[in-house]
Amino acid sequence: GFSETVRDLIIDTTGGPFTDELNDVRIVGCITVTLLLGIALIGLDWEARAQVVLLFILVVAVINFVVGTFIGPKNLREETEGFLGYQAGIYIENWYPVFQGETFFSVFAIFFPAATGILAGANLSGDLKDPSKALPKGTLWSIAISSLVYIAMAWMAGSCA
């Protein structure tokens, strides 16, 4: 998922792959795994600090998504790819499900990161002053915020494309 997305960004910005599409995925994957290995070898203390940077990147990505839905299509290519901007007709058309080859695992791959992110907070309980109070509050807040973000993004995507 991640490597394919980065490959597509490389193709969109440079006009083509560096080598070929399959090897670009492998190269991005190797670089990513090497960076993650480096973080693991440096230690958990540094990894906890890296979480703040990753949270910032995630918040910027969500804001980018929200702002992008209001910008609307800028050219014919975006319209042919299905991005039409906010339209009531699109929202009504997308209200009822139309499954087109989706399987349990393709949908599971989308929602699984939300659950793992919530559990990651519990793994950092050693850094908390009072884990018995902070963990339940943090877990419930993370479930609420994740649910709201997922519902809002689904609503926005259903209203625009």
N, C-alpha and C. Protein backbone atom coordinates (compact mmCIF):
# COMPACT_ATOMS: atom_id res chain seq x y z
N GLY A 1 0.79 -1.19 0.00
CA GLY A 1 0.00 0.00 0.00
C GLY A 1 0.84 1.26 0.00
N PHE A 2 1.73 1.41 0.98
CA PHE A 2 2.53 2.63 1.11
C PHE A 2 3.47 2.79 -0.09
N SER A 3 4.16 1.72 -0.45
CA SER A 3 5.13 1.79 -1.54
C SER A 3 4.45 2.09 -2.87
N GLU A 4 3.27 1.51 -3.09
CA GLU A 4 2.54 1.77 -4.33
C GLU A 4 2.10 3.22 -4.41
N THR A 5 1.70 3.78 -3.27
CA THR A 5 1.28 5.18 -3.24
C THR A 5 2.46 6.10 -3.55
N VAL A 6 3.60 5.82 -2.94
CA VAL A 6 4.80 6.63 -3.20
C VAL A 6 5.22 6.49 -4.66
N ARG A 7 5.14 5.27 -5.20
CA ARG A 7 5.46 5.05 -6.61
C ARG A 7 4.56 5.90 -7.50
N ASP A 8 3.25 5.91 -7.21
CA ASP A 8 2.32 6.71 -8.01
C ASP A 8 2.63 8.19 -7.90
N LEU A 9 3.04 8.65 -6.71
CA LEU A 9 3.43 10.05 -6.56
C LEU A 9 4.69 10.35 -7.38
N ILE A 10 5.62 9.42 -7.40
CA ILE A 10 6.84 9.61 -8.19
C ILE A 10 6.48 9.72 -9.67
N ILE A 11 5.60 8.84 -10.13
CA ILE A 11 5.21 8.86 -11.55
C ILE A 11 4.48 10.16 -11.88
N ASP A 12 3.59 10.62 -10.98
CA ASP A 12 2.85 11.86 -11.23
C ASP A 12 3.75 13.08 -11.26
N THR A 13 4.78 13.11 -10.40
CA THR A 13 5.62 14.31 -10.32
C THR A 13 6.76 14.30 -11.33
N THR A 14 7.30 13.12 -11.66
CA THR A 14 8.43 13.08 -12.58
C THR A 14 8.05 12.69 -13.99
N GLY A 15 6.82 12.21 -14.18
CA GLY A 15 6.39 11.83 -15.52
C GLY A 15 6.62 10.37 -15.84
N GLY A 16 7.28 9.65 -14.99
CA GLY A 16 7.51 8.23 -15.23
C GLY A 16 8.25 7.60 -14.08
N PRO A 17 8.32 6.28 -14.07
CA PRO A 17 9.03 5.61 -12.98
C PRO A 17 10.54 5.78 -13.12
N PHE A 18 11.27 5.59 -12.00
CA PHE A 18 12.73 5.66 -12.05
C PHE A 18 13.29 4.50 -12.85
N THR A 19 12.88 3.30 -12.51
CA THR A 19 13.33 2.12 -13.25
C THR A 19 12.13 1.55 -14.00
N ASP A 20 11.35 0.75 -13.33
CA ASP A 20 10.04 0.34 -13.81
C ASP A 20 9.13 0.29 -12.59
N GLU A 21 7.84 0.16 -12.81
CA GLU A 21 6.90 0.31 -11.70
C GLU A 21 7.11 -0.72 -10.59
N LEU A 22 7.40 -1.96 -10.94
CA LEU A 22 7.59 -3.00 -9.93
C LEU A 22 8.85 -2.74 -9.10
N ASN A 23 9.94 -2.40 -9.77
CA ASN A 23 11.18 -2.16 -9.03
C ASN A 23 11.11 -0.88 -8.21
N ASP A 24 10.34 0.11 -8.65
CA ASP A 24 10.16 1.31 -7.83
C ASP A 24 9.48 0.96 -6.51
N VAL A 25 8.50 0.06 -6.56
CA VAL A 25 7.84 -0.38 -5.33
C VAL A 25 8.85 -1.06 -4.42
N ARG A 26 9.71 -1.89 -4.98
CA ARG A 26 10.73 -2.58 -4.19
C ARG A 26 11.72 -1.60 -3.58
N ILE A 27 12.14 -0.61 -4.35
CA ILE A 27 13.11 0.37 -3.86
C ILE A 27 12.51 1.18 -2.71
N VAL A 28 11.29 1.67 -2.89
CA VAL A 28 10.64 2.45 -1.84
C VAL A 28 10.44 1.58 -0.60
N GLY A 29 10.04 0.33 -0.79
CA GLY A 29 9.86 -0.59 0.33
C GLY A 29 11.15 -0.83 1.09
N CYS A 30 12.25 -1.03 0.37
CA CYS A 30 13.55 -1.26 1.03
C CYS A 30 14.00 -0.03 1.81
N ILE A 31 13.82 1.15 1.23
CA ILE A 31 14.20 2.38 1.93
C ILE A 31 13.35 2.55 3.19
N THR A 32 12.06 2.29 3.08
CA THR A 32 11.16 2.44 4.23
C THR A 32 11.52 1.46 5.33
N VAL A 33 11.74 0.20 4.98
CA VAL A 33 12.09 -0.81 5.98
C VAL A 33 13.43 -0.47 6.63
N THR A 34 14.36 0.04 5.86
CA THR A 34 15.66 0.43 6.42
C THR A 34 15.50 1.58 7.42
N LEU A 35 14.66 2.57 7.08
CA LEU A 35 14.41 3.66 8.02
C LEU A 35 13.75 3.15 9.30
N LEU A 36 12.78 2.25 9.16
CA LEU A 36 12.12 1.69 10.34
C LEU A 36 13.09 0.86 11.19
N LEU A 37 13.96 0.13 10.54
CA LEU A 37 14.99 -0.62 11.27
C LEU A 37 15.90 0.33 12.03
N GLY A 38 16.29 1.42 11.39
CA GLY A 38 17.13 2.41 12.07
C GLY A 38 16.46 2.98 13.30
N ILE A 39 15.17 3.28 13.19
CA ILE A 39 14.43 3.79 14.35
C ILE A 39 14.40 2.75 15.46
N ALA A 40 14.18 1.49 15.10
CA ALA A 40 14.14 0.42 16.11
C ALA A 40 15.49 0.23 16.78
N LEU A 41 16.58 0.35 16.01
CA LEU A 41 17.91 0.16 16.58
C LEU A 41 18.33 1.33 17.47
N ILE A 42 17.88 2.53 17.13
CA ILE A 42 18.22 3.69 17.94
C ILE A 42 17.62 3.57 19.33
N GLY A 43 16.40 3.04 19.40
CA GLY A 43 15.80 2.81 20.72
C GLY A 43 14.41 3.34 20.84
N LEU A 44 13.73 2.87 21.85
CA LEU A 44 12.34 3.22 22.08
C LEU A 44 12.18 4.68 22.48
N ASP A 45 13.15 5.24 23.15
CA ASP A 45 13.05 6.64 23.56
C ASP A 45 12.94 7.55 22.34
N TRP A 46 13.77 7.30 21.33
CA TRP A 46 13.73 8.11 20.12
C TRP A 46 12.46 7.83 19.33
N GLU A 47 11.99 6.59 19.37
CA GLU A 47 10.77 6.21 18.65
C GLU A 47 9.57 6.97 19.21
N ALA A 48 9.52 7.16 20.52
CA ALA A 48 8.42 7.90 21.12
C ALA A 48 8.42 9.35 20.64
N ARG A 49 9.59 9.92 20.46
CA ARG A 49 9.67 11.28 19.92
C ARG A 49 9.27 11.33 18.46
N ALA A 50 9.60 10.26 17.73
CA ALA A 50 9.24 10.19 16.31
C ALA A 50 7.72 10.10 16.14
N GLN A 51 7.02 9.58 17.15
CA GLN A 51 5.56 9.48 17.08
C GLN A 51 4.92 10.87 16.92
N VAL A 52 5.50 11.87 17.55
CA VAL A 52 4.97 13.23 17.46
C VAL A 52 5.10 13.73 16.02
N VAL A 53 6.22 13.45 15.39
CA VAL A 53 6.43 13.86 13.99
C VAL A 53 5.43 13.12 13.09
N LEU A 54 5.25 11.83 13.34
CA LEU A 54 4.31 11.05 12.53
C LEU A 54 2.87 11.55 12.72
N LEU A 55 2.52 11.92 13.94
CA LEU A 55 1.20 12.47 14.20
C LEU A 55 1.01 13.77 13.42
N PHE A 56 2.02 14.61 13.42
CA PHE A 56 1.96 15.87 12.67
C PHE A 56 1.74 15.60 11.19
N ILE A 57 2.47 14.64 10.64
CA ILE A 57 2.32 14.29 9.22
C ILE A 57 0.91 13.79 8.94
N LEU A 58 0.37 12.98 9.84
CA LEU A 58 -0.97 12.46 9.68
C LEU A 58 -2.01 13.57 9.73
N VAL A 59 -1.86 14.51 10.65
CA VAL A 59 -2.80 15.63 10.74
C VAL A 59 -2.74 16.49 9.48
N VAL A 60 -1.54 16.74 8.98
CA VAL A 60 -1.39 17.51 7.74
C VAL A 60 -2.05 16.78 6.57
N ALA A 61 -1.92 15.45 6.52
CA ALA A 61 -2.54 14.67 5.44
C ALA A 61 -4.06 14.76 5.51
N VAL A 62 -4.63 14.69 6.70
CA VAL A 62 -6.09 14.80 6.84
C VAL A 62 -6.55 16.19 6.43
N ILE A 63 -5.83 17.22 6.86
CA ILE A 63 -6.18 18.59 6.47
C ILE A 63 -6.07 18.75 4.95
N ASN A 64 -5.04 18.16 4.36
CA ASN A 64 -4.86 18.20 2.91
C ASN A 64 -6.05 17.56 2.20
N PHE A 65 -6.52 16.44 2.72
CA PHE A 65 -7.68 15.75 2.15
C PHE A 65 -8.91 16.65 2.21
N VAL A 66 -9.15 17.25 3.38
CA VAL A 66 -10.34 18.08 3.57
C VAL A 66 -10.29 19.30 2.64
N VAL A 67 -9.16 19.98 2.59
CA VAL A 67 -9.03 21.15 1.73
C VAL A 67 -9.18 20.74 0.27
N GLY A 68 -8.61 19.60 -0.11
CA GLY A 68 -8.70 19.13 -1.49
C GLY A 68 -10.12 18.86 -1.94
N THR A 69 -10.98 18.43 -1.01
CA THR A 69 -12.37 18.18 -1.40
C THR A 69 -13.10 19.47 -1.73
N PHE A 70 -12.70 20.59 -1.12
CA PHE A 70 -13.36 21.86 -1.39
C PHE A 70 -12.80 22.57 -2.63
N ILE A 71 -11.60 22.21 -3.06
CA ILE A 71 -11.00 22.86 -4.22
C ILE A 71 -11.75 22.46 -5.50
N GLY A 72 -12.16 21.22 -5.59
CA GLY A 72 -12.87 20.77 -6.77
C GLY A 72 -11.92 20.41 -7.89
N PRO A 73 -12.45 19.87 -8.97
CA PRO A 73 -11.57 19.46 -10.08
C PRO A 73 -10.96 20.68 -10.77
N LYS A 74 -9.67 20.56 -11.09
CA LYS A 74 -8.96 21.67 -11.73
C LYS A 74 -8.83 21.48 -13.23
N ASN A 75 -9.02 20.23 -13.69
CA ASN A 75 -8.88 19.99 -15.13
C ASN A 75 -9.73 18.78 -15.53
N LEU A 76 -9.74 18.52 -16.80
CA LEU A 76 -10.56 17.44 -17.34
C LEU A 76 -10.08 16.08 -16.84
N ARG A 77 -8.78 15.92 -16.64
CA ARG A 77 -8.23 14.65 -16.16
C ARG A 77 -8.83 14.26 -14.81
N GLU A 78 -8.90 15.22 -13.89
CA GLU A 78 -9.47 14.93 -12.57
C GLU A 78 -10.94 14.56 -12.68
N GLU A 79 -11.67 15.20 -13.60
CA GLU A 79 -13.07 14.85 -13.79
C GLU A 79 -13.23 13.46 -14.37
N THR A 80 -12.37 13.08 -15.30
CA THR A 80 -12.47 11.74 -15.89
C THR A 80 -12.06 10.66 -14.90
N GLU A 81 -11.25 11.02 -13.91
CA GLU A 81 -10.88 10.06 -12.86
C GLU A 81 -11.93 9.97 -11.77
N GLY A 82 -13.01 10.76 -11.88
CA GLY A 82 -14.13 10.63 -10.97
C GLY A 82 -14.24 11.68 -9.89
N PHE A 83 -13.35 12.68 -9.87
CA PHE A 83 -13.42 13.73 -8.85
C PHE A 83 -14.19 14.90 -9.45
N LEU A 84 -15.40 15.15 -8.92
CA LEU A 84 -16.27 16.17 -9.49
C LEU A 84 -16.57 17.32 -8.54
N GLY A 85 -16.08 17.28 -7.33
CA GLY A 85 -16.40 18.32 -6.36
C GLY A 85 -17.73 18.02 -5.68
N TYR A 86 -18.09 18.84 -4.71
CA TYR A 86 -19.32 18.62 -3.97
C TYR A 86 -20.54 18.84 -4.85
N GLN A 87 -21.38 17.82 -4.94
CA GLN A 87 -22.64 17.91 -5.68
C GLN A 87 -23.67 17.06 -4.97
N ALA A 88 -24.86 17.60 -4.80
CA ALA A 88 -25.92 16.87 -4.10
C ALA A 88 -26.28 15.58 -4.83
N GLY A 89 -26.28 15.62 -6.15
CA GLY A 89 -26.61 14.43 -6.93
C GLY A 89 -25.63 13.29 -6.69
N ILE A 90 -24.36 13.61 -6.57
CA ILE A 90 -23.34 12.59 -6.31
C ILE A 90 -23.53 12.00 -4.92
N TYR A 91 -23.84 12.87 -3.95
CA TYR A 91 -24.05 12.40 -2.58
C TYR A 91 -25.23 11.43 -2.52
N ILE A 92 -26.33 11.78 -3.19
CA ILE A 92 -27.51 10.90 -3.20
C ILE A 92 -27.21 9.60 -3.92
N GLU A 93 -26.48 9.67 -5.02
CA GLU A 93 -26.12 8.46 -5.78
C GLU A 93 -25.22 7.54 -4.97
N ASN A 94 -24.34 8.10 -4.16
CA ASN A 94 -23.40 7.30 -3.38
C ASN A 94 -23.95 6.88 -2.02
N TRP A 95 -25.18 7.26 -1.69
CA TRP A 95 -25.73 6.95 -0.38
C TRP A 95 -25.90 5.45 -0.19
N TYR A 96 -26.35 4.75 -1.22
CA TYR A 96 -26.58 3.31 -1.12
C TYR A 96 -25.36 2.55 -1.64
N PRO A 97 -25.05 1.42 -1.03
CA PRO A 97 -23.83 0.70 -1.43
C PRO A 97 -23.96 0.05 -2.81
N VAL A 98 -22.88 0.12 -3.55
CA VAL A 98 -22.76 -0.60 -4.82
C VAL A 98 -21.37 -1.24 -4.78
N PHE A 99 -21.33 -2.50 -4.42
CA PHE A 99 -20.05 -3.19 -4.27
C PHE A 99 -19.53 -3.59 -5.64
N GLN A 100 -18.30 -3.23 -5.92
CA GLN A 100 -17.70 -3.52 -7.22
C GLN A 100 -16.40 -4.29 -7.02
N GLY A 101 -16.54 -5.55 -6.66
CA GLY A 101 -15.37 -6.40 -6.54
C GLY A 101 -14.62 -6.26 -5.23
N GLU A 102 -15.18 -5.57 -4.25
CA GLU A 102 -14.51 -5.45 -2.96
C GLU A 102 -14.70 -6.73 -2.16
N THR A 103 -13.66 -7.12 -1.45
CA THR A 103 -13.73 -8.30 -0.61
C THR A 103 -13.57 -7.88 0.85
N PHE A 104 -13.74 -8.81 1.73
CA PHE A 104 -13.56 -8.53 3.15
C PHE A 104 -12.16 -7.98 3.40
N PHE A 105 -11.14 -8.57 2.77
CA PHE A 105 -9.77 -8.18 3.05
C PHE A 105 -9.41 -6.83 2.45
N SER A 106 -10.01 -6.45 1.33
CA SER A 106 -9.71 -5.13 0.78
C SER A 106 -10.29 -4.03 1.66
N VAL A 107 -11.45 -4.27 2.25
CA VAL A 107 -12.03 -3.29 3.17
C VAL A 107 -11.31 -3.34 4.51
N PHE A 108 -10.95 -4.52 4.97
CA PHE A 108 -10.22 -4.69 6.23
C PHE A 108 -8.89 -3.93 6.19
N ALA A 109 -8.23 -3.92 5.03
CA ALA A 109 -6.95 -3.24 4.89
C ALA A 109 -7.08 -1.73 5.10
N ILE A 110 -8.26 -1.19 4.85
CA ILE A 110 -8.48 0.24 5.03
C ILE A 110 -8.70 0.57 6.50
N PHE A 111 -9.49 -0.25 7.19
CA PHE A 111 -9.87 0.07 8.57
C PHE A 111 -8.90 -0.48 9.61
N PHE A 112 -8.07 -1.42 9.27
CA PHE A 112 -7.13 -2.01 10.23
C PHE A 112 -6.19 -0.99 10.85
N PRO A 113 -5.62 -0.05 10.08
CA PRO A 113 -4.71 0.93 10.70
C PRO A 113 -5.35 1.75 11.82
N ALA A 114 -6.66 2.01 11.75
CA ALA A 114 -7.30 2.77 12.82
C ALA A 114 -7.24 1.99 14.13
N ALA A 115 -7.47 0.69 14.07
CA ALA A 115 -7.43 -0.12 15.28
C ALA A 115 -6.00 -0.25 15.81
N THR A 116 -5.04 -0.39 14.93
CA THR A 116 -3.66 -0.53 15.41
C THR A 116 -3.16 0.78 16.00
N GLY A 117 -3.62 1.90 15.48
CA GLY A 117 -3.23 3.19 16.04
C GLY A 117 -3.74 3.37 17.46
N ILE A 118 -4.95 2.90 17.70
CA ILE A 118 -5.53 2.99 19.05
C ILE A 118 -4.73 2.11 20.00
N LEU A 119 -4.37 0.92 19.56
CA LEU A 119 -3.61 0.01 20.42
C LEU A 119 -2.19 0.51 20.64
N ALA A 120 -1.65 1.27 19.70
CA ALA A 120 -0.30 1.79 19.86
C ALA A 120 -0.22 2.73 21.05
N GLY A 121 -1.29 3.46 21.32
CA GLY A 121 -1.32 4.34 22.48
C GLY A 121 -1.17 3.57 23.78
N ALA A 122 -1.79 2.40 23.86
CA ALA A 122 -1.68 1.59 25.06
C ALA A 122 -0.26 1.07 25.25
N ASN A 123 0.46 0.87 24.18
CA ASN A 123 1.83 0.39 24.27
C ASN A 123 2.78 1.43 24.84
N LEU A 124 2.39 2.68 24.82
CA LEU A 124 3.23 3.76 25.35
C LEU A 124 2.87 4.09 26.80
N SER A 125 2.19 3.18 27.48
CA SER A 125 1.71 3.46 28.84
C SER A 125 2.84 3.68 29.84
N GLY A 126 4.01 3.20 29.55
CA GLY A 126 5.14 3.39 30.46
C GLY A 126 5.57 4.84 30.56
N ASP A 127 5.20 5.66 29.59
CA ASP A 127 5.56 7.07 29.59
C ASP A 127 4.56 7.95 30.33
N LEU A 128 3.46 7.36 30.80
CA LEU A 128 2.41 8.14 31.44
C LEU A 128 2.64 8.27 32.95
N LYS A 129 2.21 9.40 33.50
CA LYS A 129 2.32 9.61 34.95
C LYS A 129 1.37 8.69 35.70
N ASP A 130 0.11 8.64 35.25
CA ASP A 130 -0.90 7.83 35.92
C ASP A 130 -1.64 6.99 34.86
N PRO A 131 -1.05 5.85 34.48
CA PRO A 131 -1.64 5.05 33.39
C PRO A 131 -3.07 4.58 33.67
N SER A 132 -3.40 4.32 34.93
CA SER A 132 -4.74 3.79 35.23
C SER A 132 -5.84 4.80 34.91
N LYS A 133 -5.53 6.08 34.96
CA LYS A 133 -6.51 7.10 34.58
C LYS A 133 -6.36 7.52 33.12
N ALA A 134 -5.13 7.63 32.66
CA ALA A 134 -4.88 8.16 31.32
C ALA A 134 -5.22 7.16 30.21
N LEU A 135 -4.98 5.87 30.43
CA LEU A 135 -5.25 4.89 29.38
C LEU A 135 -6.72 4.79 29.00
N PRO A 136 -7.65 4.66 29.95
CA PRO A 136 -9.06 4.60 29.53
C PRO A 136 -9.52 5.88 28.83
N LYS A 137 -9.10 7.04 29.37
CA LYS A 137 -9.47 8.30 28.74
C LYS A 137 -8.88 8.39 27.33
N GLY A 138 -7.60 8.10 27.21
CA GLY A 138 -6.93 8.18 25.91
C GLY A 138 -7.51 7.21 24.90
N THR A 139 -7.83 6.00 25.35
CA THR A 139 -8.40 5.01 24.44
C THR A 139 -9.77 5.45 23.95
N LEU A 140 -10.62 5.93 24.86
CA LEU A 140 -11.95 6.38 24.45
C LEU A 140 -11.88 7.61 23.54
N TRP A 141 -10.98 8.54 23.86
CA TRP A 141 -10.82 9.71 22.99
C TRP A 141 -10.30 9.31 21.61
N SER A 142 -9.36 8.38 21.58
CA SER A 142 -8.82 7.96 20.27
C SER A 142 -9.88 7.25 19.45
N ILE A 143 -10.73 6.44 20.08
CA ILE A 143 -11.83 5.79 19.36
C ILE A 143 -12.79 6.84 18.82
N ALA A 144 -13.14 7.82 19.65
CA ALA A 144 -14.08 8.86 19.22
C ALA A 144 -13.51 9.69 18.07
N ILE A 145 -12.26 10.12 18.21
CA ILE A 145 -11.65 10.95 17.16
C ILE A 145 -11.47 10.16 15.88
N SER A 146 -10.99 8.92 15.98
CA SER A 146 -10.81 8.08 14.79
C SER A 146 -12.14 7.85 14.09
N SER A 147 -13.19 7.57 14.86
CA SER A 147 -14.51 7.34 14.26
C SER A 147 -15.00 8.59 13.55
N LEU A 148 -14.87 9.74 14.19
CA LEU A 148 -15.31 10.98 13.56
C LEU A 148 -14.54 11.28 12.28
N VAL A 149 -13.23 11.07 12.31
CA VAL A 149 -12.41 11.34 11.12
C VAL A 149 -12.80 10.38 9.99
N TYR A 150 -12.97 9.09 10.31
CA TYR A 150 -13.35 8.12 9.27
C TYR A 150 -14.73 8.45 8.70
N ILE A 151 -15.69 8.78 9.56
CA ILE A 151 -17.04 9.10 9.07
C ILE A 151 -17.01 10.37 8.22
N ALA A 152 -16.29 11.39 8.67
CA ALA A 152 -16.21 12.65 7.92
C ALA A 152 -15.53 12.44 6.56
N MET A 153 -14.46 11.65 6.55
CA MET A 153 -13.77 11.41 5.27
C MET A 153 -14.63 10.59 4.32
N ALA A 154 -15.37 9.62 4.85
CA ALA A 154 -16.27 8.83 4.00
C ALA A 154 -17.37 9.72 3.44
N TRP A 155 -17.91 10.61 4.27
CA TRP A 155 -18.95 11.53 3.81
C TRP A 155 -18.40 12.47 2.73
N MET A 156 -17.20 13.01 2.96
CA MET A 156 -16.61 13.91 1.97
C MET A 156 -16.31 13.22 0.66
N ALA A 157 -15.74 12.00 0.75
CA ALA A 157 -15.44 11.26 -0.47
C ALA A 157 -16.73 10.89 -1.21
N GLY A 158 -17.77 10.53 -0.47
CA GLY A 158 -19.04 10.19 -1.09
C GLY A 158 -19.76 11.37 -1.69
N SER A 159 -19.43 12.57 -1.27
CA SER A 159 -20.06 13.77 -1.80
C SER A 159 -19.32 14.35 -2.99
N CYS A 160 -18.09 13.92 -3.21
CA CYS A 160 -17.25 14.53 -4.24
C CYS A 160 -16.98 13.62 -5.43
N ALA A 161 -17.02 12.33 -5.23
CA ALA A 161 -16.58 11.43 -6.31
C ALA A 161 -17.59 10.36 -6.59
